[in-house]
Amino acid sequence: MAHYAELDKNNIVIQVIVINNSDELKDGIEDESTGAAFCAALTGRPSWKKTSYNNNIRKRYANIGFTYDPVKDVFVAPKPYPSWILDDNSDWQPPVPMPTDGGMYTWDEAEQQWVLLPEPPV
């Protein structure tokens, strides 16, 4: 199965569909432009990019709300918090690194810090 992400005019993913591998073959070889053309003919909408469920292409699997960066040819997840910054690898980074002590943490945007979650009851 092949996965294709539909992009809006701002390169935001608005849906992801699955097609048969045979629908993207050109002369017996997998071809993204053939798959994208198949998706366009199927839906009547023109802008499609292949995405990999196994993260083999374009860095990560595209989900609704992700942005396609045509310069880096990657899908970028939505910004999780206003204070986080996109790094050179197209990953969002917090202003303070998460502790690495093995605890489970959540980000507190108001306090700009990581908060240790309580241990679940046994």
Protein backbone atom coordinates (compact mmCIF):
# COMPACT_ATOMS: atom_id res chain seq x y z
CA MET A 1 0.00 0.00 0.00
CA ALA A 2 1.16 3.53 -0.77
CA HIS A 3 0.26 6.60 1.28
CA TYR A 4 -0.26 10.06 -0.21
CA ALA A 5 -0.86 13.35 1.59
CA GLU A 6 -3.06 16.03 0.07
CA LEU A 7 -1.72 19.56 0.52
CA ASP A 8 -3.69 22.79 0.57
CA LYS A 9 -2.42 26.02 -1.01
CA ASN A 10 -0.24 26.65 2.10
CA ASN A 11 1.33 23.16 2.01
CA ILE A 12 -0.71 22.02 5.00
CA VAL A 13 -1.75 18.34 4.96
CA ILE A 14 -5.54 18.14 4.78
CA GLN A 15 -5.88 14.39 4.29
CA VAL A 16 -3.88 11.22 3.78
CA ILE A 17 -5.13 8.41 1.57
CA VAL A 18 -3.92 4.91 0.82
CA ILE A 19 -3.71 3.54 -2.72
CA ASN A 20 -2.57 0.23 -4.14
CA ASN A 21 1.11 0.01 -5.03
CA SER A 22 0.05 -0.89 -8.56
CA ASP A 23 -1.57 2.56 -8.89
CA GLU A 24 1.82 4.26 -8.69
CA LEU A 25 3.72 2.06 -11.14
CA LYS A 26 5.19 3.46 -14.33
CA ASP A 27 6.71 0.83 -16.61
CA GLY A 28 6.67 -1.56 -13.65
CA ILE A 29 8.63 0.80 -11.38
CA GLU A 30 7.30 2.74 -8.37
CA ASP A 31 6.90 6.37 -9.43
CA GLU A 32 5.64 9.13 -7.14
CA SER A 33 4.41 11.39 -9.92
CA THR A 34 2.29 8.53 -11.26
CA GLY A 35 0.85 7.94 -7.78
CA ALA A 36 0.19 11.65 -7.29
CA ALA A 37 -1.55 11.83 -10.67
CA PHE A 38 -3.67 8.81 -9.69
CA CYS A 39 -4.69 10.56 -6.44
CA ALA A 40 -5.53 13.75 -8.34
CA ALA A 41 -7.67 11.85 -10.85
CA LEU A 42 -9.37 9.91 -8.04
CA THR A 43 -10.23 12.97 -5.94
CA GLY A 44 -10.32 15.85 -8.41
CA ARG A 45 -7.80 17.72 -6.28
CA PRO A 46 -4.28 18.38 -7.59
CA SER A 47 -1.65 18.57 -4.85
CA TRP A 48 -0.32 15.25 -3.50
CA LYS A 49 2.98 14.12 -1.94
CA LYS A 50 3.94 10.59 -1.07
CA THR A 51 4.47 9.87 2.61
CA SER A 52 5.92 6.82 4.28
CA TYR A 53 4.18 5.03 7.12
CA ASN A 54 7.66 3.76 8.09
CA ASN A 55 9.21 7.28 7.89
CA ASN A 56 11.36 6.18 4.94
CA ILE A 57 10.81 9.38 2.98
CA ARG A 58 10.24 13.01 3.93
CA LYS A 59 11.44 12.46 7.51
CA ARG A 60 8.11 11.42 9.02
CA TYR A 61 4.66 10.17 8.15
CA ALA A 62 2.36 13.04 7.21
CA ASN A 63 -0.69 13.61 9.36
CA ILE A 64 -3.51 16.11 9.01
CA GLY A 65 -2.23 19.52 10.11
CA PHE A 66 1.43 18.83 9.29
CA THR A 67 3.23 21.20 6.92
CA TYR A 68 5.19 20.12 3.87
CA ASP A 69 8.51 21.99 3.56
CA PRO A 70 9.36 21.93 -0.16
CA VAL A 71 12.89 23.25 0.40
CA LYS A 72 13.87 20.43 2.75
CA ASP A 73 11.36 17.98 1.22
CA VAL A 74 10.07 16.95 4.66
CA PHE A 75 6.83 16.95 6.61
CA VAL A 76 6.91 19.08 9.77
CA ALA A 77 4.65 18.40 12.73
CA PRO A 78 2.56 21.27 14.08
CA LYS A 79 4.29 23.46 16.65
CA PRO A 80 3.48 21.92 20.05
CA TYR A 81 3.95 25.09 22.13
CA PRO A 82 4.55 28.77 21.30
CA SER A 83 8.00 28.78 22.94
CA TRP A 84 9.38 25.80 21.00
CA ILE A 85 11.72 26.38 18.05
CA LEU A 86 12.14 24.37 14.86
CA ASP A 87 15.72 23.09 14.59
CA ASP A 88 17.79 22.39 11.47
CA ASN A 89 16.48 18.81 11.41
CA SER A 90 12.85 20.00 11.26
CA ASP A 91 12.16 18.87 14.83
CA TRP A 92 10.55 21.11 17.48
CA GLN A 93 12.82 21.81 20.45
CA PRO A 94 11.78 23.16 23.85
CA PRO A 95 13.62 26.15 25.32
CA VAL A 96 14.77 23.85 28.15
CA PRO A 97 15.85 20.26 27.42
CA MET A 98 13.73 17.54 28.98
CA PRO A 99 15.39 15.84 31.97
CA THR A 100 16.99 12.51 31.19
CA ASP A 101 16.58 10.88 34.60
CA GLY A 102 14.04 8.34 33.35
CA GLY A 103 11.01 10.13 34.79
CA MET A 104 7.90 10.94 32.78
CA TYR A 105 7.52 14.66 32.16
CA THR A 106 5.10 17.08 30.59
CA TRP A 107 5.87 20.59 29.37
CA ASP A 108 4.40 23.54 31.32
CA GLU A 109 4.26 26.39 28.83
CA ALA A 110 3.24 29.01 31.41
CA GLU A 111 6.21 28.22 33.65
CA GLN A 112 8.56 27.33 30.78
CA GLN A 113 9.67 24.13 32.48
CA TRP A 114 9.26 20.38 32.56
CA VAL A 115 6.97 18.98 35.24
CA LEU A 116 7.51 15.49 36.61
CA LEU A 117 4.36 13.39 36.35
CA PRO A 118 3.36 11.36 39.40
CA GLU A 119 4.06 7.65 39.39
CA PRO A 120 0.98 5.63 38.44
CA PRO A 121 -0.45 3.51 41.27
CA VAL A 122 0.64 -0.11 41.24
